[in-house]
């Protein structure tokens, strides 16, 4: 079994920054990809950013140039640096990983962008 635990969410003013972290633990033999999704109130969950094991990174158009995904393979950790935050970025952010050919999700961390 694999567990994903997110941290780093909170309240931030528009234009501010936050850094989310997600630590994977358990029986990990292969991580194909790690990434972040988000779900705003009343909306469907959407992709924010993905980091593939081959080094490719994918971003949603709405966050390109503002968010950066990175990973520390030695620590089984993925990060999401979020800059120039907007009220529309308010959502629960979920960590997702494909580990040992199985998709796992974290429980989410709330990010609120408000003045």
N, C-alpha and C. Protein backbone atom coordinates (compact mmCIF):
# COMPACT_ATOMS: atom_id res chain seq x y z
N UNK A 1 0.85 -1.20 0.00
CA UNK A 1 0.00 0.00 0.00
C UNK A 1 0.88 1.24 0.00
N UNK A 2 0.36 2.29 -0.60
CA UNK A 2 1.10 3.54 -0.72
C UNK A 2 0.24 4.66 -0.15
N UNK A 3 0.86 5.57 0.58
CA UNK A 3 0.15 6.72 1.13
C UNK A 3 0.76 8.01 0.59
N UNK A 4 -0.10 8.99 0.35
CA UNK A 4 0.32 10.32 -0.09
C UNK A 4 -0.19 11.33 0.92
N UNK A 5 0.69 12.17 1.41
CA UNK A 5 0.30 13.17 2.40
C UNK A 5 0.74 14.54 1.92
N UNK A 6 -0.26 15.42 1.73
CA UNK A 6 0.02 16.78 1.28
C UNK A 6 0.18 17.72 2.46
N UNK A 7 0.90 18.81 2.23
CA UNK A 7 1.02 19.88 3.22
C UNK A 7 1.33 21.18 2.49
N UNK A 8 1.16 22.30 3.21
CA UNK A 8 1.54 23.59 2.66
C UNK A 8 0.39 24.49 2.25
N UNK A 9 -0.83 24.00 2.33
CA UNK A 9 -1.95 24.85 1.97
C UNK A 9 -2.21 25.91 3.03
N UNK A 10 -3.11 26.84 2.69
CA UNK A 10 -3.44 27.88 3.64
C UNK A 10 -4.09 29.07 2.96
N UNK A 11 -4.16 30.16 3.70
CA UNK A 11 -4.75 31.41 3.20
C UNK A 11 -3.64 32.34 2.75
N UNK A 12 -3.79 32.89 1.55
CA UNK A 12 -2.79 33.80 1.00
C UNK A 12 -3.51 34.91 0.24
N UNK A 13 -2.91 36.08 0.23
CA UNK A 13 -3.49 37.21 -0.49
C UNK A 13 -3.22 37.08 -1.99
N UNK A 14 -4.06 37.68 -2.80
CA UNK A 14 -3.78 37.70 -4.25
C UNK A 14 -2.39 38.25 -4.53
N UNK A 15 -1.70 37.59 -5.46
CA UNK A 15 -0.33 37.98 -5.76
C UNK A 15 0.71 37.28 -4.92
N UNK A 16 0.27 36.57 -3.90
CA UNK A 16 1.20 35.88 -3.01
C UNK A 16 1.64 34.53 -3.53
N UNK A 17 2.41 33.83 -2.70
CA UNK A 17 2.98 32.54 -3.08
C UNK A 17 2.75 31.51 -2.00
N UNK A 18 2.68 30.26 -2.43
CA UNK A 18 2.63 29.12 -1.52
C UNK A 18 3.40 27.98 -2.15
N UNK A 19 3.90 27.09 -1.31
CA UNK A 19 4.58 25.89 -1.79
C UNK A 19 3.93 24.67 -1.18
N UNK A 20 3.38 23.82 -2.02
CA UNK A 20 2.77 22.59 -1.56
C UNK A 20 3.79 21.45 -1.64
N UNK A 21 3.68 20.53 -0.71
CA UNK A 21 4.54 19.34 -0.70
C UNK A 21 3.66 18.11 -0.60
N UNK A 22 4.15 17.02 -1.17
CA UNK A 22 3.45 15.74 -1.09
C UNK A 22 4.50 14.65 -0.92
N UNK A 23 4.40 13.93 0.20
CA UNK A 23 5.34 12.86 0.49
C UNK A 23 4.67 11.51 0.27
N UNK A 24 5.33 10.66 -0.49
CA UNK A 24 4.85 9.30 -0.73
C UNK A 24 5.56 8.34 0.22
N UNK A 25 4.80 7.39 0.75
CA UNK A 25 5.41 6.38 1.62
C UNK A 25 4.73 5.05 1.36
N UNK A 26 5.41 3.97 1.79
CA UNK A 26 4.86 2.64 1.61
C UNK A 26 5.76 1.79 0.72
N UNK A 27 5.15 0.80 0.09
CA UNK A 27 5.90 -0.13 -0.76
C UNK A 27 6.02 0.45 -2.17
N UNK A 28 7.08 1.20 -2.39
CA UNK A 28 7.28 1.92 -3.65
C UNK A 28 8.40 1.28 -4.43
N UNK A 29 8.08 0.77 -5.62
CA UNK A 29 9.09 0.17 -6.48
C UNK A 29 9.31 1.00 -7.74
N UNK A 30 8.25 1.65 -8.20
CA UNK A 30 8.33 2.43 -9.43
C UNK A 30 7.32 3.56 -9.38
N UNK A 31 7.79 4.78 -9.66
CA UNK A 31 6.89 5.94 -9.73
C UNK A 31 6.91 6.45 -11.16
N UNK A 32 5.82 6.26 -11.88
CA UNK A 32 5.76 6.68 -13.27
C UNK A 32 5.53 8.18 -13.40
N UNK A 33 4.69 8.70 -12.51
CA UNK A 33 4.43 10.14 -12.55
C UNK A 33 3.92 10.59 -11.19
N UNK A 34 4.11 11.87 -10.93
CA UNK A 34 3.62 12.50 -9.71
C UNK A 34 3.05 13.85 -10.12
N UNK A 35 2.00 14.26 -9.47
CA UNK A 35 1.44 15.54 -9.88
C UNK A 35 0.39 16.09 -8.96
N UNK A 36 -0.23 17.16 -9.42
CA UNK A 36 -1.22 17.88 -8.63
C UNK A 36 -2.47 18.13 -9.45
N UNK A 37 -3.60 17.94 -8.80
CA UNK A 37 -4.91 18.29 -9.33
C UNK A 37 -5.57 19.23 -8.32
N UNK A 38 -6.63 19.90 -8.75
CA UNK A 38 -7.37 20.75 -7.82
C UNK A 38 -8.85 20.69 -8.12
N UNK A 39 -9.63 20.99 -7.09
CA UNK A 39 -11.08 21.02 -7.24
C UNK A 39 -11.62 22.22 -6.49
N UNK A 40 -12.17 23.15 -7.25
CA UNK A 40 -12.77 24.34 -6.67
C UNK A 40 -14.23 24.04 -6.31
N UNK A 41 -14.82 24.81 -5.41
CA UNK A 41 -16.21 24.57 -5.03
C UNK A 41 -17.15 24.58 -6.23
N UNK A 42 -17.95 23.55 -6.38
CA UNK A 42 -18.91 23.48 -7.47
C UNK A 42 -18.34 23.12 -8.82
N UNK A 43 -17.05 22.79 -8.86
CA UNK A 43 -16.41 22.46 -10.13
C UNK A 43 -15.81 21.05 -10.10
N UNK A 44 -15.48 20.54 -11.28
CA UNK A 44 -14.86 19.23 -11.37
C UNK A 44 -13.37 19.34 -11.05
N UNK A 45 -12.83 18.22 -10.63
CA UNK A 45 -11.38 18.16 -10.38
C UNK A 45 -10.65 18.33 -11.71
N UNK A 46 -9.57 19.13 -11.67
CA UNK A 46 -8.83 19.40 -12.90
C UNK A 46 -7.33 19.24 -12.67
N UNK A 47 -6.64 18.94 -13.75
CA UNK A 47 -5.19 18.81 -13.70
C UNK A 47 -4.55 20.17 -13.50
N UNK A 48 -3.56 20.22 -12.63
CA UNK A 48 -2.75 21.43 -12.45
C UNK A 48 -1.37 21.23 -13.08
N UNK A 49 -0.68 20.19 -12.65
CA UNK A 49 0.67 19.95 -13.17
C UNK A 49 1.05 18.49 -12.93
N UNK A 50 1.83 17.95 -13.87
CA UNK A 50 2.33 16.58 -13.75
C UNK A 50 3.83 16.55 -14.01
N UNK A 51 4.52 15.68 -13.28
CA UNK A 51 5.94 15.45 -13.50
C UNK A 51 6.11 13.97 -13.84
N UNK A 52 6.53 13.69 -15.07
CA UNK A 52 6.69 12.33 -15.52
C UNK A 52 8.10 11.84 -15.22
N UNK A 53 8.26 10.55 -15.09
CA UNK A 53 9.55 10.00 -14.73
C UNK A 53 10.60 10.24 -15.80
N UNK A 54 10.18 10.47 -17.05
CA UNK A 54 11.14 10.72 -18.12
C UNK A 54 11.57 12.18 -18.17
N UNK A 55 11.11 12.98 -17.23
CA UNK A 55 11.54 14.37 -17.15
C UNK A 55 10.59 15.38 -17.76
N UNK A 56 9.51 14.91 -18.35
CA UNK A 56 8.54 15.82 -18.97
C UNK A 56 7.62 16.38 -17.90
N UNK A 57 7.34 17.67 -18.00
CA UNK A 57 6.40 18.33 -17.11
C UNK A 57 5.24 18.89 -17.91
N UNK A 58 4.04 18.72 -17.37
CA UNK A 58 2.82 19.19 -18.03
C UNK A 58 2.11 20.15 -17.11
N UNK A 59 1.62 21.25 -17.67
CA UNK A 59 0.89 22.25 -16.88
C UNK A 59 -0.44 22.59 -17.53
N UNK A 60 -1.41 22.90 -16.70
CA UNK A 60 -2.65 23.47 -17.21
C UNK A 60 -2.36 24.87 -17.74
N UNK A 61 -3.07 25.26 -18.78
CA UNK A 61 -2.83 26.58 -19.37
C UNK A 61 -3.03 27.70 -18.35
N UNK A 62 -3.95 27.50 -17.42
CA UNK A 62 -4.28 28.54 -16.45
C UNK A 62 -3.17 28.81 -15.44
N UNK A 63 -2.19 27.89 -15.33
CA UNK A 63 -1.13 28.08 -14.33
C UNK A 63 0.25 28.22 -14.95
N UNK A 64 0.35 28.08 -16.27
CA UNK A 64 1.66 28.19 -16.93
C UNK A 64 2.29 29.54 -16.65
N UNK A 65 3.58 29.50 -16.31
CA UNK A 65 4.30 30.72 -16.00
C UNK A 65 4.17 31.18 -14.56
N UNK A 66 3.24 30.58 -13.82
CA UNK A 66 3.05 30.95 -12.41
C UNK A 66 3.37 29.81 -11.45
N UNK A 67 3.07 28.60 -11.87
CA UNK A 67 3.30 27.43 -11.01
C UNK A 67 4.46 26.61 -11.56
N UNK A 68 5.21 25.98 -10.65
CA UNK A 68 6.30 25.11 -11.04
C UNK A 68 6.24 23.82 -10.24
N UNK A 69 6.25 22.69 -10.95
CA UNK A 69 6.28 21.39 -10.28
C UNK A 69 7.71 20.88 -10.26
N UNK A 70 8.08 20.28 -9.14
CA UNK A 70 9.41 19.67 -9.03
C UNK A 70 9.30 18.44 -8.14
N UNK A 71 10.32 17.61 -8.20
CA UNK A 71 10.27 16.39 -7.41
C UNK A 71 11.65 16.06 -6.89
N UNK A 72 11.68 15.42 -5.74
CA UNK A 72 12.90 14.91 -5.14
C UNK A 72 12.74 13.40 -5.07
N UNK A 73 13.33 12.70 -6.02
CA UNK A 73 13.13 11.25 -6.09
C UNK A 73 13.71 10.53 -4.88
N UNK A 74 14.77 11.07 -4.33
CA UNK A 74 15.39 10.43 -3.16
C UNK A 74 14.46 10.48 -1.95
N UNK A 75 13.62 11.50 -1.90
CA UNK A 75 12.69 11.67 -0.78
C UNK A 75 11.27 11.27 -1.14
N UNK A 76 11.06 10.78 -2.36
CA UNK A 76 9.70 10.44 -2.82
C UNK A 76 8.73 11.58 -2.56
N UNK A 77 9.15 12.77 -2.94
CA UNK A 77 8.38 13.97 -2.65
C UNK A 77 8.20 14.79 -3.93
N UNK A 78 7.01 15.34 -4.08
CA UNK A 78 6.73 16.25 -5.19
C UNK A 78 6.27 17.58 -4.60
N UNK A 79 6.68 18.65 -5.25
CA UNK A 79 6.38 20.00 -4.78
C UNK A 79 5.60 20.77 -5.86
N UNK A 80 4.85 21.76 -5.41
CA UNK A 80 4.21 22.68 -6.33
C UNK A 80 4.44 24.09 -5.81
N UNK A 81 5.30 24.81 -6.49
CA UNK A 81 5.54 26.22 -6.15
C UNK A 81 4.52 27.06 -6.89
N UNK A 82 3.72 27.80 -6.14
CA UNK A 82 2.65 28.61 -6.73
C UNK A 82 2.94 30.08 -6.48
N UNK A 83 3.13 30.82 -7.54
CA UNK A 83 3.40 32.26 -7.46
C UNK A 83 2.28 33.03 -8.13
N UNK A 84 2.22 34.31 -7.84
CA UNK A 84 1.22 35.20 -8.44
C UNK A 84 -0.18 34.60 -8.32
N UNK A 85 -0.51 34.16 -7.14
CA UNK A 85 -1.78 33.49 -6.94
C UNK A 85 -2.96 34.42 -7.15
N UNK A 86 -4.04 33.85 -7.68
CA UNK A 86 -5.25 34.59 -7.98
C UNK A 86 -6.42 33.97 -7.20
N UNK A 87 -7.48 34.73 -6.98
CA UNK A 87 -8.65 34.14 -6.31
C UNK A 87 -9.16 32.89 -7.02
N UNK A 88 -9.04 32.84 -8.34
CA UNK A 88 -9.49 31.66 -9.09
C UNK A 88 -8.67 30.41 -8.79
N UNK A 89 -7.53 30.56 -8.14
CA UNK A 89 -6.72 29.41 -7.75
C UNK A 89 -7.23 28.76 -6.47
N UNK A 90 -8.21 29.37 -5.84
CA UNK A 90 -8.77 28.80 -4.62
C UNK A 90 -9.39 27.44 -4.91
N UNK A 91 -8.93 26.42 -4.16
CA UNK A 91 -9.39 25.05 -4.39
C UNK A 91 -8.75 24.13 -3.36
N UNK A 92 -9.24 22.92 -3.33
CA UNK A 92 -8.53 21.86 -2.63
C UNK A 92 -7.56 21.24 -3.63
N UNK A 93 -6.30 21.19 -3.26
CA UNK A 93 -5.26 20.65 -4.12
C UNK A 93 -4.93 19.23 -3.69
N UNK A 94 -4.97 18.32 -4.67
CA UNK A 94 -4.74 16.91 -4.41
C UNK A 94 -3.45 16.45 -5.09
N UNK A 95 -2.67 15.71 -4.35
CA UNK A 95 -1.50 15.05 -4.90
C UNK A 95 -1.94 13.73 -5.53
N UNK A 96 -1.34 13.41 -6.68
CA UNK A 96 -1.66 12.16 -7.37
C UNK A 96 -0.36 11.53 -7.86
N UNK A 97 -0.29 10.22 -7.77
CA UNK A 97 0.91 9.53 -8.24
C UNK A 97 0.53 8.16 -8.80
N UNK A 98 1.23 7.78 -9.85
CA UNK A 98 1.10 6.41 -10.37
C UNK A 98 2.29 5.63 -9.84
N UNK A 99 2.03 4.74 -8.92
CA UNK A 99 3.08 4.00 -8.24
C UNK A 99 2.83 2.52 -8.45
N UNK A 100 3.86 1.82 -8.93
CA UNK A 100 3.72 0.38 -9.17
C UNK A 100 2.50 0.10 -10.05
N UNK A 101 2.27 0.98 -11.06
CA UNK A 101 1.18 0.85 -12.04
C UNK A 101 -0.20 1.03 -11.44
N UNK A 102 -0.28 1.65 -10.27
CA UNK A 102 -1.56 1.93 -9.62
C UNK A 102 -1.63 3.42 -9.31
N UNK A 103 -2.79 4.04 -9.51
CA UNK A 103 -2.98 5.46 -9.20
C UNK A 103 -3.40 5.64 -7.75
N UNK A 104 -2.71 6.56 -7.08
CA UNK A 104 -3.02 6.88 -5.69
C UNK A 104 -3.27 8.37 -5.56
N UNK A 105 -4.10 8.71 -4.56
CA UNK A 105 -4.45 10.11 -4.31
C UNK A 105 -4.24 10.44 -2.84
N UNK A 106 -3.86 11.70 -2.60
CA UNK A 106 -3.83 12.19 -1.24
C UNK A 106 -5.21 12.70 -0.85
N UNK A 107 -5.34 13.15 0.39
CA UNK A 107 -6.63 13.61 0.88
C UNK A 107 -6.88 15.08 0.55
N UNK A 108 -5.86 15.78 0.13
CA UNK A 108 -6.02 17.16 -0.29
C UNK A 108 -5.62 18.19 0.74
N UNK A 109 -5.24 19.36 0.26
CA UNK A 109 -4.92 20.49 1.13
C UNK A 109 -5.58 21.73 0.54
N UNK A 110 -6.20 22.52 1.39
CA UNK A 110 -6.98 23.67 0.94
C UNK A 110 -6.09 24.89 0.73
N UNK A 111 -6.24 25.49 -0.44
CA UNK A 111 -5.58 26.76 -0.74
C UNK A 111 -6.67 27.80 -0.96
N UNK A 112 -6.61 28.87 -0.19
CA UNK A 112 -7.57 29.95 -0.31
C UNK A 112 -6.84 31.24 -0.64
N UNK A 113 -7.20 31.84 -1.75
CA UNK A 113 -6.58 33.09 -2.18
C UNK A 113 -7.63 34.21 -2.03
N UNK A 114 -7.39 35.05 -1.05
CA UNK A 114 -8.39 36.08 -0.74
C UNK A 114 -7.73 37.22 0.01
N UNK A 115 -8.27 38.43 -0.22
CA UNK A 115 -7.78 39.59 0.53
C UNK A 115 -8.64 39.83 1.76
